[in-house]
Amino acid sequence: MAEKTSRSLLTLPVELVYRILDKLDMFTILFSMQNVCTRLDVILRMYSRYQTISQLKLGNSNIGDIGTQYLANALQHNKTLTNLDIRYNKIGLHGAKYLANLLQHNTTLTRLYLGHNEIGDQGTQYLAAGLLKNATLTNLNLWGNGIENLGTKSLSIALKHNTTLVTLDLRYNQISDRGARYLADALQYNTTLAMLNLENNSIALHARQCFSTEMKKVPLRVWL
């Protein structure tokens, strides 16, 4: 009786691997097949769907920090992705650190949606460090992430030097008067931010007035 031969995905002909990939969604490909081995990584880089992916919508996928690590590693050198939506995923400060590394290396991402995660001040500090070295991101959504004044200060420092960000959404955080002043000060130096949303924070009326002064210096709309 002839012995049965089993072949793994790692040894199959490339054409058969592509046929298997055609049956999988991009979520599975990115999270399960990246960084398995050099051969499979090369095959994935040549795979047509991977080469043309421009947006990923993974909201409410419960990926957490570990999933964010896999995702950030997979996309670090991707040359086609422009829009990444990972809202509602319980991403904390460790996940933010991986995303900051992504921002430092990826050269095509323009929109990052991180609303309703658990990034907090420390995670925001990581993201701000990533922004300092990023030259492509135009839209950053951080609403509902428990960001307070310390995280806002880090973002403000990044804004003084960043020259690409156009929209920054900080709704539903815990930013108070001091955080508002950090941002207002940053706007004296930033010349690209066009929309800043600070609705549903804890900014008093007298602190809001600092934006009316700065708005005369840059073409900016601020929601308070």
N, C-alpha and C. Protein backbone atom coordinates (compact mmCIF):
# COMPACT_ATOMS: atom_id res chain seq x y z
N MET A 1 0.85 -1.19 0.00
CA MET A 1 0.00 0.00 0.00
C MET A 1 0.88 1.24 0.00
N ALA A 2 0.60 2.16 -0.90
CA ALA A 2 1.43 3.37 -0.99
C ALA A 2 1.23 4.25 0.23
N GLU A 3 2.34 4.86 0.67
CA GLU A 3 2.26 5.76 1.82
C GLU A 3 1.60 7.07 1.39
N LYS A 4 0.76 7.59 2.30
CA LYS A 4 0.12 8.87 2.04
C LYS A 4 1.12 9.99 2.28
N THR A 5 1.12 10.95 1.40
CA THR A 5 2.04 12.08 1.53
C THR A 5 1.26 13.33 1.92
N SER A 6 1.67 13.96 3.00
CA SER A 6 1.03 15.21 3.43
C SER A 6 1.99 16.36 3.18
N ARG A 7 1.47 17.46 2.68
CA ARG A 7 2.31 18.61 2.37
C ARG A 7 1.79 19.81 3.15
N SER A 8 2.69 20.54 3.74
CA SER A 8 2.29 21.72 4.50
C SER A 8 2.24 22.94 3.59
N LEU A 9 1.65 23.99 4.10
CA LEU A 9 1.55 25.24 3.36
C LEU A 9 2.93 25.78 3.01
N LEU A 10 3.91 25.43 3.82
CA LEU A 10 5.26 25.95 3.63
C LEU A 10 6.00 25.30 2.47
N THR A 11 5.49 24.15 2.01
CA THR A 11 6.18 23.44 0.92
C THR A 11 5.36 23.35 -0.36
N LEU A 12 4.13 23.82 -0.32
CA LEU A 12 3.28 23.76 -1.51
C LEU A 12 3.81 24.69 -2.61
N PRO A 13 3.54 24.37 -3.86
CA PRO A 13 3.90 25.28 -4.95
C PRO A 13 3.22 26.64 -4.75
N VAL A 14 3.86 27.68 -5.22
CA VAL A 14 3.36 29.04 -5.01
C VAL A 14 1.94 29.21 -5.54
N GLU A 15 1.66 28.62 -6.69
CA GLU A 15 0.33 28.76 -7.30
C GLU A 15 -0.76 28.21 -6.39
N LEU A 16 -0.47 27.11 -5.71
CA LEU A 16 -1.45 26.53 -4.79
C LEU A 16 -1.62 27.39 -3.54
N VAL A 17 -0.53 27.98 -3.08
CA VAL A 17 -0.61 28.88 -1.92
C VAL A 17 -1.50 30.07 -2.25
N TYR A 18 -1.34 30.62 -3.45
CA TYR A 18 -2.17 31.74 -3.87
C TYR A 18 -3.65 31.35 -3.90
N ARG A 19 -3.94 30.15 -4.35
CA ARG A 19 -5.33 29.69 -4.40
C ARG A 19 -5.92 29.58 -3.00
N ILE A 20 -5.08 29.17 -2.05
CA ILE A 20 -5.53 29.10 -0.65
C ILE A 20 -5.77 30.51 -0.11
N LEU A 21 -4.86 31.42 -0.40
CA LEU A 21 -4.99 32.80 0.06
C LEU A 21 -6.25 33.46 -0.49
N ASP A 22 -6.63 33.07 -1.69
CA ASP A 22 -7.84 33.63 -2.31
C ASP A 22 -9.09 33.31 -1.51
N LYS A 23 -9.05 32.24 -0.72
CA LYS A 23 -10.21 31.82 0.07
C LYS A 23 -10.24 32.48 1.45
N LEU A 24 -9.18 33.19 1.81
CA LEU A 24 -9.07 33.78 3.15
C LEU A 24 -9.35 35.28 3.11
N ASP A 25 -9.88 35.81 4.22
CA ASP A 25 -10.04 37.27 4.29
C ASP A 25 -8.71 37.89 4.71
N MET A 26 -8.58 39.20 4.50
CA MET A 26 -7.32 39.88 4.77
C MET A 26 -6.96 39.86 6.25
N PHE A 27 -7.97 39.86 7.12
CA PHE A 27 -7.73 39.78 8.56
C PHE A 27 -6.96 38.51 8.89
N THR A 28 -7.41 37.38 8.37
CA THR A 28 -6.74 36.10 8.62
C THR A 28 -5.34 36.08 8.04
N ILE A 29 -5.18 36.63 6.86
CA ILE A 29 -3.86 36.64 6.22
C ILE A 29 -2.87 37.44 7.04
N LEU A 30 -3.28 38.61 7.51
CA LEU A 30 -2.36 39.48 8.25
C LEU A 30 -2.03 38.92 9.63
N PHE A 31 -3.03 38.33 10.29
CA PHE A 31 -2.82 37.89 11.66
C PHE A 31 -2.27 36.48 11.78
N SER A 32 -2.48 35.65 10.77
CA SER A 32 -2.09 34.25 10.90
C SER A 32 -0.94 33.82 10.01
N MET A 33 -0.65 34.58 8.96
CA MET A 33 0.31 34.09 7.97
C MET A 33 1.54 34.98 7.82
N GLN A 34 1.54 36.12 8.50
CA GLN A 34 2.72 36.98 8.45
C GLN A 34 3.79 36.45 9.40
N ASN A 35 5.04 36.60 8.99
CA ASN A 35 6.19 36.27 9.85
C ASN A 35 6.22 34.82 10.31
N VAL A 36 5.65 33.91 9.51
CA VAL A 36 5.73 32.48 9.81
C VAL A 36 7.09 31.95 9.39
N CYS A 37 7.48 32.29 8.19
CA CYS A 37 8.81 31.93 7.68
C CYS A 37 9.14 32.85 6.52
N THR A 38 10.40 32.87 6.14
CA THR A 38 10.84 33.78 5.07
C THR A 38 10.12 33.49 3.75
N ARG A 39 9.97 32.21 3.42
CA ARG A 39 9.33 31.84 2.14
C ARG A 39 7.90 32.36 2.07
N LEU A 40 7.14 32.17 3.14
CA LEU A 40 5.75 32.61 3.13
C LEU A 40 5.65 34.13 3.10
N ASP A 41 6.56 34.81 3.78
CA ASP A 41 6.58 36.28 3.73
C ASP A 41 6.81 36.78 2.31
N VAL A 42 7.72 36.14 1.61
CA VAL A 42 8.00 36.52 0.22
C VAL A 42 6.77 36.30 -0.66
N ILE A 43 6.11 35.16 -0.46
CA ILE A 43 4.91 34.85 -1.23
C ILE A 43 3.82 35.89 -0.97
N LEU A 44 3.65 36.26 0.30
CA LEU A 44 2.63 37.24 0.64
C LEU A 44 2.91 38.59 0.02
N ARG A 45 4.17 38.99 0.01
CA ARG A 45 4.52 40.29 -0.56
C ARG A 45 4.24 40.35 -2.07
N MET A 46 4.26 39.18 -2.71
CA MET A 46 3.99 39.12 -4.15
C MET A 46 2.51 38.86 -4.45
N TYR A 47 1.73 38.58 -3.43
CA TYR A 47 0.31 38.26 -3.61
C TYR A 47 -0.46 39.53 -3.99
N SER A 48 -1.27 39.45 -5.01
CA SER A 48 -1.90 40.64 -5.58
C SER A 48 -2.79 41.38 -4.59
N ARG A 49 -3.57 40.67 -3.78
CA ARG A 49 -4.45 41.35 -2.83
C ARG A 49 -3.65 42.09 -1.77
N TYR A 50 -2.53 41.52 -1.37
CA TYR A 50 -1.68 42.17 -0.38
C TYR A 50 -1.04 43.43 -0.97
N GLN A 51 -0.68 43.36 -2.24
CA GLN A 51 -0.01 44.48 -2.90
C GLN A 51 -0.94 45.65 -3.14
N THR A 52 -2.24 45.40 -3.20
CA THR A 52 -3.19 46.46 -3.54
C THR A 52 -4.06 46.91 -2.38
N ILE A 53 -3.91 46.34 -1.20
CA ILE A 53 -4.75 46.71 -0.08
C ILE A 53 -4.53 48.18 0.29
N SER A 54 -5.62 48.94 0.37
CA SER A 54 -5.50 50.36 0.70
C SER A 54 -6.18 50.72 2.01
N GLN A 55 -7.11 49.88 2.46
CA GLN A 55 -7.75 50.16 3.74
C GLN A 55 -8.10 48.88 4.48
N LEU A 56 -8.03 48.97 5.80
CA LEU A 56 -8.40 47.87 6.68
C LEU A 56 -9.39 48.38 7.71
N LYS A 57 -10.57 47.77 7.75
CA LYS A 57 -11.58 48.14 8.73
C LYS A 57 -11.74 46.98 9.71
N LEU A 58 -11.11 47.12 10.87
CA LEU A 58 -11.10 46.05 11.86
C LEU A 58 -11.74 46.50 13.17
N GLY A 59 -12.65 47.45 13.09
CA GLY A 59 -13.32 47.93 14.28
C GLY A 59 -14.08 46.83 15.00
N ASN A 60 -14.05 46.89 16.35
CA ASN A 60 -14.80 45.93 17.18
C ASN A 60 -14.43 44.49 16.88
N SER A 61 -13.13 44.25 16.69
CA SER A 61 -12.64 42.90 16.40
C SER A 61 -11.94 42.26 17.60
N ASN A 62 -11.92 42.97 18.72
CA ASN A 62 -11.34 42.45 19.96
C ASN A 62 -9.89 42.00 19.78
N ILE A 63 -9.09 42.78 19.05
CA ILE A 63 -7.71 42.36 18.80
C ILE A 63 -6.79 42.64 19.98
N GLY A 64 -7.12 43.63 20.82
CA GLY A 64 -6.29 43.91 21.99
C GLY A 64 -4.86 44.28 21.65
N ASP A 65 -4.00 44.26 22.66
CA ASP A 65 -2.60 44.64 22.47
C ASP A 65 -1.82 43.61 21.65
N ILE A 66 -2.08 42.33 21.90
CA ILE A 66 -1.35 41.28 21.18
C ILE A 66 -1.69 41.31 19.70
N GLY A 67 -2.97 41.43 19.40
CA GLY A 67 -3.37 41.52 18.00
C GLY A 67 -2.80 42.75 17.33
N THR A 68 -2.73 43.84 18.08
CA THR A 68 -2.16 45.08 17.54
C THR A 68 -0.68 44.90 17.23
N GLN A 69 0.01 44.12 18.05
CA GLN A 69 1.42 43.84 17.79
C GLN A 69 1.58 43.12 16.45
N TYR A 70 0.79 42.07 16.23
CA TYR A 70 0.86 41.33 14.96
C TYR A 70 0.53 42.25 13.78
N LEU A 71 -0.52 43.05 13.97
CA LEU A 71 -0.96 43.94 12.90
C LEU A 71 0.11 44.98 12.55
N ALA A 72 0.67 45.61 13.58
CA ALA A 72 1.68 46.64 13.35
C ALA A 72 2.93 46.07 12.69
N ASN A 73 3.32 44.88 13.12
CA ASN A 73 4.49 44.23 12.50
C ASN A 73 4.23 43.90 11.04
N ALA A 74 3.01 43.44 10.76
CA ALA A 74 2.67 43.06 9.39
C ALA A 74 2.62 44.26 8.45
N LEU A 75 2.24 45.41 8.99
CA LEU A 75 2.05 46.60 8.14
C LEU A 75 3.23 47.55 8.14
N GLN A 76 4.23 47.24 8.92
CA GLN A 76 5.35 48.17 9.09
C GLN A 76 5.97 48.61 7.77
N HIS A 77 6.13 47.67 6.84
CA HIS A 77 6.77 48.00 5.56
C HIS A 77 5.80 47.90 4.38
N ASN A 78 4.50 47.85 4.70
CA ASN A 78 3.50 47.83 3.64
C ASN A 78 3.52 49.16 2.88
N LYS A 79 3.39 49.09 1.55
CA LYS A 79 3.51 50.28 0.71
C LYS A 79 2.19 50.71 0.08
N THR A 80 1.08 50.13 0.50
CA THR A 80 -0.20 50.46 -0.15
C THR A 80 -1.28 50.94 0.81
N LEU A 81 -1.22 50.54 2.07
CA LEU A 81 -2.28 50.87 3.02
C LEU A 81 -2.30 52.37 3.33
N THR A 82 -3.48 52.97 3.24
CA THR A 82 -3.63 54.39 3.57
C THR A 82 -4.61 54.63 4.71
N ASN A 83 -5.51 53.69 4.96
CA ASN A 83 -6.58 53.89 5.93
C ASN A 83 -6.66 52.69 6.87
N LEU A 84 -6.45 52.91 8.17
CA LEU A 84 -6.51 51.83 9.16
C LEU A 84 -7.52 52.20 10.24
N ASP A 85 -8.58 51.41 10.35
CA ASP A 85 -9.65 51.63 11.32
C ASP A 85 -9.65 50.50 12.34
N ILE A 86 -9.21 50.81 13.56
CA ILE A 86 -9.17 49.79 14.63
C ILE A 86 -9.85 50.33 15.89
N ARG A 87 -11.00 50.95 15.70
CA ARG A 87 -11.78 51.44 16.83
C ARG A 87 -12.40 50.28 17.61
N TYR A 88 -12.71 50.52 18.89
CA TYR A 88 -13.39 49.54 19.74
C TYR A 88 -12.65 48.21 19.79
N ASN A 89 -11.39 48.23 20.19
CA ASN A 89 -10.60 47.00 20.20
C ASN A 89 -9.82 46.76 21.49
N LYS A 90 -10.11 47.51 22.53
CA LYS A 90 -9.45 47.33 23.83
C LYS A 90 -7.92 47.44 23.72
N ILE A 91 -7.48 48.36 22.90
CA ILE A 91 -6.04 48.58 22.72
C ILE A 91 -5.54 49.49 23.83
N GLY A 92 -4.52 49.03 24.58
CA GLY A 92 -3.97 49.80 25.68
C GLY A 92 -2.62 50.40 25.34
N LEU A 93 -1.84 50.70 26.38
CA LEU A 93 -0.57 51.40 26.16
C LEU A 93 0.43 50.55 25.40
N HIS A 94 0.41 49.22 25.60
CA HIS A 94 1.34 48.36 24.86
C HIS A 94 1.00 48.35 23.37
N GLY A 95 -0.29 48.28 23.07
CA GLY A 95 -0.70 48.35 21.68
C GLY A 95 -0.33 49.69 21.06
N ALA A 96 -0.45 50.75 21.84
CA ALA A 96 -0.08 52.08 21.35
C ALA A 96 1.41 52.14 21.03
N LYS A 97 2.20 51.45 21.81
CA LYS A 97 3.65 51.41 21.56
C LYS A 97 3.95 50.76 20.21
N TYR A 98 3.25 49.66 19.91
CA TYR A 98 3.44 48.99 18.62
C TYR A 98 2.99 49.89 17.47
N LEU A 99 1.90 50.61 17.68
CA LEU A 99 1.40 51.51 16.65
C LEU A 99 2.34 52.69 16.43
N ALA A 100 2.97 53.15 17.51
CA ALA A 100 3.95 54.23 17.38
C ALA A 100 5.12 53.78 16.51
N ASN A 101 5.53 52.54 16.69
CA ASN A 101 6.60 51.99 15.85
C ASN A 101 6.16 51.91 14.39
N LEU A 102 4.89 51.55 14.19
CA LEU A 102 4.33 51.53 12.84
C LEU A 102 4.40 52.92 12.20
N LEU A 103 4.03 53.94 12.98
CA LEU A 103 4.04 55.31 12.46
C LEU A 103 5.44 55.76 12.07
N GLN A 104 6.43 55.26 12.78
CA GLN A 104 7.80 55.66 12.50
C GLN A 104 8.35 55.03 11.22
N HIS A 105 7.78 53.89 10.81
CA HIS A 105 8.35 53.17 9.67
C HIS A 105 7.46 53.13 8.43
N ASN A 106 6.14 53.11 8.62
CA ASN A 106 5.25 53.05 7.47
C ASN A 106 5.24 54.40 6.74
N THR A 107 5.26 54.37 5.42
CA THR A 107 5.36 55.61 4.64
C THR A 107 4.13 55.89 3.78
N THR A 108 3.03 55.16 4.00
CA THR A 108 1.84 55.38 3.18
C THR A 108 0.58 55.66 3.99
N LEU A 109 0.54 55.29 5.26
CA LEU A 109 -0.66 55.45 6.07
C LEU A 109 -1.00 56.94 6.25
N THR A 110 -2.25 57.30 5.93
CA THR A 110 -2.68 58.69 6.08
C THR A 110 -3.79 58.86 7.11
N ARG A 111 -4.57 57.81 7.37
CA ARG A 111 -5.69 57.91 8.31
C ARG A 111 -5.64 56.77 9.33
N LEU A 112 -5.65 57.14 10.60
CA LEU A 112 -5.61 56.15 11.67
C LEU A 112 -6.75 56.43 12.65
N TYR A 113 -7.67 55.47 12.76
CA TYR A 113 -8.84 55.62 13.62
C TYR A 113 -8.68 54.71 14.84
N LEU A 114 -8.51 55.34 16.00
CA LEU A 114 -8.26 54.61 17.24
C LEU A 114 -9.32 54.89 18.30
N GLY A 115 -10.47 55.39 17.89
CA GLY A 115 -11.50 55.77 18.84
C GLY A 115 -11.95 54.63 19.74
N HIS A 116 -12.30 55.01 20.98
CA HIS A 116 -12.86 54.09 21.98
C HIS A 116 -11.96 52.89 22.23
N ASN A 117 -10.71 53.17 22.56
CA ASN A 117 -9.79 52.16 23.05
C ASN A 117 -9.35 52.55 24.46
N GLU A 118 -8.24 52.04 24.93
CA GLU A 118 -7.81 52.27 26.31
C GLU A 118 -6.37 52.77 26.35
N ILE A 119 -6.07 53.71 25.48
CA ILE A 119 -4.69 54.15 25.28
C ILE A 119 -4.16 54.97 26.45
N GLY A 120 -4.96 55.88 27.00
CA GLY A 120 -4.56 56.67 28.15
C GLY A 120 -3.39 57.60 27.87
N ASP A 121 -2.88 58.21 28.94
CA ASP A 121 -1.79 59.18 28.79
C ASP A 121 -0.49 58.56 28.30
N GLN A 122 -0.10 57.44 28.91
CA GLN A 122 1.18 56.83 28.53
C GLN A 122 1.15 56.33 27.09
N GLY A 123 0.05 55.72 26.71
CA GLY A 123 -0.07 55.27 25.33
C GLY A 123 -0.04 56.43 24.35
N THR A 124 -0.63 57.55 24.76
CA THR A 124 -0.62 58.75 23.92
C THR A 124 0.79 59.30 23.78
N GLN A 125 1.59 59.16 24.83
CA GLN A 125 2.99 59.59 24.75
C GLN A 125 3.73 58.78 23.69
N TYR A 126 3.46 57.49 23.63
CA TYR A 126 4.09 56.65 22.60
C TYR A 126 3.67 57.11 21.20
N LEU A 127 2.37 57.34 21.03
CA LEU A 127 1.87 57.77 19.72
C LEU A 127 2.45 59.12 19.31
N ALA A 128 2.59 60.02 20.28
CA ALA A 128 3.16 61.33 19.99
C ALA A 128 4.60 61.20 19.51
N ALA A 129 5.34 60.28 20.13
CA ALA A 129 6.72 60.03 19.69
C ALA A 129 6.74 59.51 18.25
N GLY A 130 5.76 58.68 17.92
CA GLY A 130 5.65 58.19 16.55
C GLY A 130 5.34 59.31 15.57
N LEU A 131 4.49 60.24 15.99
CA LEU A 131 4.13 61.36 15.13
C LEU A 131 5.33 62.25 14.82
N LEU A 132 6.23 62.35 15.77
CA LEU A 132 7.42 63.19 15.56
C LEU A 132 8.26 62.71 14.38
N LYS A 133 8.18 61.40 14.10
CA LYS A 133 8.99 60.84 13.02
C LYS A 133 8.17 60.44 11.80
N ASN A 134 6.87 60.75 11.85
CA ASN A 134 5.99 60.37 10.75
C ASN A 134 5.81 61.54 9.78
N ALA A 135 5.75 61.22 8.50
CA ALA A 135 5.64 62.28 7.49
C ALA A 135 4.48 62.06 6.52
N THR A 136 3.50 61.22 6.91
CA THR A 136 2.39 60.93 6.00
C THR A 136 1.01 61.05 6.63
N LEU A 137 0.87 60.83 7.93
CA LEU A 137 -0.45 60.79 8.57
C LEU A 137 -1.13 62.15 8.51
N THR A 138 -2.38 62.16 8.05
CA THR A 138 -3.14 63.41 7.98
C THR A 138 -4.32 63.43 8.94
N ASN A 139 -4.87 62.27 9.29
CA ASN A 139 -6.03 62.19 10.18
C ASN A 139 -5.75 61.23 11.32
N LEU A 140 -5.93 61.71 12.55
CA LEU A 140 -5.73 60.87 13.73
C LEU A 140 -6.95 61.00 14.63
N ASN A 141 -7.63 59.88 14.86
CA ASN A 141 -8.83 59.85 15.68
C ASN A 141 -8.53 59.15 17.00
N LEU A 142 -8.61 59.91 18.10
CA LEU A 142 -8.30 59.37 19.43
C LEU A 142 -9.44 59.60 20.41
N TRP A 143 -10.65 59.73 19.94
CA TRP A 143 -11.74 60.03 20.86
C TRP A 143 -11.99 58.86 21.82
N GLY A 144 -12.38 59.20 23.05
CA GLY A 144 -12.75 58.19 24.03
C GLY A 144 -11.64 57.26 24.43
N ASN A 145 -10.46 57.81 24.76
CA ASN A 145 -9.31 56.97 25.13
C ASN A 145 -8.75 57.30 26.52
N GLY A 146 -9.50 58.03 27.32
CA GLY A 146 -9.03 58.35 28.67
C GLY A 146 -7.79 59.23 28.70
N ILE A 147 -7.65 60.09 27.71
CA ILE A 147 -6.47 60.96 27.62
C ILE A 147 -6.67 62.18 28.52
N GLU A 148 -5.68 62.45 29.35
CA GLU A 148 -5.72 63.61 30.24
C GLU A 148 -4.66 64.62 29.80
N ASN A 149 -4.27 65.50 30.71
CA ASN A 149 -3.37 66.60 30.35
C ASN A 149 -1.97 66.14 29.98
N LEU A 150 -1.47 65.10 30.63
CA LEU A 150 -0.12 64.64 30.34
C LEU A 150 -0.01 64.13 28.90
N GLY A 151 -0.98 63.34 28.50
CA GLY A 151 -0.98 62.86 27.12
C GLY A 151 -1.17 64.00 26.13
N THR A 152 -2.01 64.96 26.51
CA THR A 152 -2.23 66.12 25.65
C THR A 152 -0.95 66.93 25.49
N LYS A 153 -0.17 67.03 26.55
CA LYS A 153 1.11 67.75 26.47
C LYS A 153 2.03 67.09 25.45
N SER A 154 2.09 65.77 25.47
CA SER A 154 2.94 65.04 24.51
C SER A 154 2.46 65.27 23.08
N LEU A 155 1.15 65.24 22.88
CA LEU A 155 0.61 65.50 21.55
C LEU A 155 0.94 66.92 21.09
N SER A 156 0.89 67.86 22.04
CA SER A 156 1.18 69.25 21.71
C SER A 156 2.63 69.43 21.26
N ILE A 157 3.53 68.73 21.92
CA ILE A 157 4.94 68.79 21.52
C ILE A 157 5.10 68.26 20.10
N ALA A 158 4.41 67.15 19.82
CA ALA A 158 4.48 66.57 18.48
C ALA A 158 3.91 67.52 17.44
N LEU A 159 2.82 68.20 17.79
CA LEU A 159 2.18 69.12 16.85
C LEU A 159 3.08 70.29 16.48
N LYS A 160 3.94 70.68 17.38
CA LYS A 160 4.85 71.79 17.09
C LYS A 160 5.80 71.46 15.95
N HIS A 161 6.05 70.18 15.75
CA HIS A 161 7.03 69.76 14.75
C HIS A 161 6.41 69.03 13.56
N ASN A 162 5.22 68.45 13.77
CA ASN A 162 4.58 67.69 12.70
C ASN A 162 4.08 68.62 11.59
N THR A 163 4.26 68.19 10.35
CA THR A 163 3.88 69.05 9.22
C THR A 163 2.87 68.39 8.27
N THR A 164 2.24 67.31 8.71
CA THR A 164 1.28 66.62 7.83
C THR A 164 -0.12 66.48 8.41
N LEU A 165 -0.25 66.44 9.73
CA LEU A 165 -1.55 66.19 10.35
C LEU A 165 -2.52 67.33 10.06
N VAL A 166 -3.70 66.97 9.56
CA VAL A 166 -4.73 67.95 9.21
C VAL A 166 -5.90 67.90 10.19
N THR A 167 -6.25 66.69 10.64
CA THR A 167 -7.39 66.51 11.53
C THR A 167 -6.97 65.73 12.77
N LEU A 168 -7.34 66.25 13.95
CA LEU A 168 -7.06 65.57 15.22
C LEU A 168 -8.35 65.55 16.03
N ASP A 169 -8.84 64.36 16.33
CA ASP A 169 -10.11 64.18 17.04
C ASP A 169 -9.82 63.70 18.46
N LEU A 170 -10.10 64.56 19.44
CA LEU A 170 -9.85 64.24 20.85
C LEU A 170 -11.13 64.33 21.68
N ARG A 171 -12.26 64.08 21.08
CA ARG A 171 -13.52 64.13 21.81
C ARG A 171 -13.58 63.07 22.92
N TYR A 172 -14.42 63.34 23.90
CA TYR A 172 -14.73 62.36 24.95
C TYR A 172 -13.48 61.84 25.66
N ASN A 173 -12.58 62.75 26.01
CA ASN A 173 -11.44 62.40 26.85
C ASN A 173 -11.55 63.17 28.16
N GLN A 174 -10.47 63.25 28.91
CA GLN A 174 -10.49 63.97 30.19
C GLN A 174 -9.51 65.15 30.17
N ILE A 175 -9.53 65.87 29.08
CA ILE A 175 -8.63 67.01 28.92
C ILE A 175 -9.25 68.22 29.62
N SER A 176 -8.45 68.90 30.45
CA SER A 176 -8.94 70.06 31.18
C SER A 176 -8.28 71.34 30.66
N ASP A 177 -8.37 72.41 31.44
CA ASP A 177 -7.88 73.72 31.01
C ASP A 177 -6.39 73.70 30.65
N ARG A 178 -5.60 73.03 31.48
CA ARG A 178 -4.16 72.98 31.22
C ARG A 178 -3.87 72.31 29.89
N GLY A 179 -4.54 71.20 29.63
CA GLY A 179 -4.34 70.51 28.36
C GLY A 179 -4.73 71.39 27.17
N ALA A 180 -5.81 72.16 27.34
CA ALA A 180 -6.23 73.07 26.28
C ALA A 180 -5.16 74.11 26.01
N ARG A 181 -4.52 74.59 27.05
CA ARG A 181 -3.46 75.60 26.87
C ARG A 181 -2.24 75.00 26.18
N TYR A 182 -1.94 73.74 26.49
CA TYR A 182 -0.83 73.06 25.79
C TYR A 182 -1.09 73.06 24.28
N LEU A 183 -2.32 72.70 23.93
CA LEU A 183 -2.67 72.63 22.51
C LEU A 183 -2.67 74.01 21.86
N ALA A 184 -3.20 74.99 22.57
CA ALA A 184 -3.23 76.35 22.02
C ALA A 184 -1.82 76.87 21.76
N ASP A 185 -0.92 76.55 22.67
CA ASP A 185 0.48 76.96 22.48
C ASP A 185 1.09 76.29 21.26
N ALA A 186 0.77 75.01 21.07
CA ALA A 186 1.32 74.27 19.93
C ALA A 186 0.86 74.86 18.60
N LEU A 187 -0.35 75.41 18.61
CA LEU A 187 -0.91 75.95 17.37
C LEU A 187 -0.18 77.21 16.89
N GLN A 188 0.61 77.80 17.76
CA GLN A 188 1.42 78.94 17.33
C GLN A 188 2.52 78.51 16.36
N TYR A 189 2.88 77.24 16.44
CA TYR A 189 3.99 76.72 15.63
C TYR A 189 3.50 75.84 14.48
N ASN A 190 2.36 75.17 14.68
CA ASN A 190 1.85 74.26 13.66
C ASN A 190 1.13 75.04 12.56
N THR A 191 1.41 74.69 11.31
CA THR A 191 0.80 75.40 10.19
C THR A 191 -0.04 74.50 9.28
N THR A 192 -0.27 73.26 9.69
CA THR A 192 -1.02 72.33 8.83
C THR A 192 -2.34 71.85 9.43
N LEU A 193 -2.46 71.82 10.76
CA LEU A 193 -3.69 71.31 11.38
C LEU A 193 -4.86 72.22 11.02
N ALA A 194 -5.92 71.63 10.47
CA ALA A 194 -7.07 72.40 10.03
C ALA A 194 -8.31 72.16 10.88
N MET A 195 -8.38 70.99 11.55
CA MET A 195 -9.54 70.66 12.36
C MET A 195 -9.11 69.99 13.66
N LEU A 196 -9.55 70.55 14.77
CA LEU A 196 -9.25 70.01 16.10
C LEU A 196 -10.56 69.89 16.86
N ASN A 197 -10.93 68.68 17.24
CA ASN A 197 -12.19 68.45 17.94
C ASN A 197 -11.93 68.10 19.40
N LEU A 198 -12.39 68.98 20.30
CA LEU A 198 -12.21 68.79 21.74
C LEU A 198 -13.55 68.73 22.46
N GLU A 199 -14.60 68.39 21.77
CA GLU A 199 -15.92 68.33 22.40
C GLU A 199 -15.96 67.27 23.49
N ASN A 200 -16.80 67.53 24.49
CA ASN A 200 -17.01 66.59 25.59
C ASN A 200 -15.74 66.28 26.36
N ASN A 201 -14.97 67.32 26.65
CA ASN A 201 -13.87 67.23 27.59
C ASN A 201 -14.22 68.09 28.81
N SER A 202 -13.24 68.51 29.57
CA SER A 202 -13.51 69.28 30.80
C SER A 202 -12.83 70.64 30.72
N ILE A 203 -13.04 71.33 29.62
CA ILE A 203 -12.39 72.61 29.38
C ILE A 203 -13.35 73.74 29.72
N ALA A 204 -12.95 74.59 30.68
CA ALA A 204 -13.79 75.69 31.13
C ALA A 204 -13.87 76.78 30.07
N LEU A 205 -14.88 77.64 30.20
CA LEU A 205 -15.12 78.68 29.22
C LEU A 205 -13.93 79.62 29.07
N HIS A 206 -13.32 80.01 30.19
CA HIS A 206 -12.20 80.96 30.12
C HIS A 206 -11.00 80.35 29.41
N ALA A 207 -10.81 79.03 29.55
CA ALA A 207 -9.69 78.36 28.87
C ALA A 207 -9.95 78.22 27.38
N ARG A 208 -11.21 78.14 27.01
CA ARG A 208 -11.55 78.02 25.59
C ARG A 208 -11.18 79.27 24.81
N GLN A 209 -11.13 80.39 25.51
CA GLN A 209 -10.85 81.65 24.84
C GLN A 209 -9.45 81.71 24.25
N CYS A 210 -8.54 80.88 24.78
CA CYS A 210 -7.17 80.91 24.25
C CYS A 210 -7.13 80.45 22.80
N PHE A 211 -8.10 79.65 22.39
CA PHE A 211 -8.12 79.19 21.00
C PHE A 211 -8.54 80.29 20.04
N SER A 212 -9.38 81.20 20.49
CA SER A 212 -9.82 82.27 19.60
C SER A 212 -8.65 83.16 19.21
N THR A 213 -7.68 83.30 20.10
CA THR A 213 -6.48 84.08 19.80
C THR A 213 -5.61 83.35 18.80
N GLU A 214 -5.40 82.06 19.05
CA GLU A 214 -4.51 81.30 18.19
C GLU A 214 -5.12 81.07 16.81
N MET A 215 -6.43 81.00 16.75
CA MET A 215 -7.08 80.75 15.47
C MET A 215 -6.81 81.87 14.46
N LYS A 216 -6.41 83.03 14.93
CA LYS A 216 -6.10 84.12 14.03
C LYS A 216 -4.76 83.90 13.33
N LYS A 217 -3.95 83.01 13.88
CA LYS A 217 -2.61 82.78 13.34
C LYS A 217 -2.55 81.63 12.35
N VAL A 218 -3.48 80.71 12.44
CA VAL A 218 -3.51 79.58 11.51
C VAL A 218 -4.95 79.33 11.06
N PRO A 219 -5.17 78.84 9.84
CA PRO A 219 -6.52 78.53 9.36
C PRO A 219 -7.03 77.25 10.00
N LEU A 220 -7.67 77.37 11.15
CA LEU A 220 -8.02 76.20 11.95
C LEU A 220 -9.43 76.31 12.49
N ARG A 221 -10.15 75.19 12.48
CA ARG A 221 -11.47 75.11 13.11
C ARG A 221 -11.34 74.25 14.36
N VAL A 222 -11.82 74.79 15.49
CA VAL A 222 -11.76 74.08 16.76
C VAL A 222 -13.18 73.88 17.28
N TRP A 223 -13.51 72.62 17.61
CA TRP A 223 -14.79 72.31 18.23
C TRP A 223 -14.57 72.08 19.72
N LEU A 224 -15.32 72.83 20.53
CA LEU A 224 -15.19 72.72 21.97
C LEU A 224 -16.54 72.38 22.60
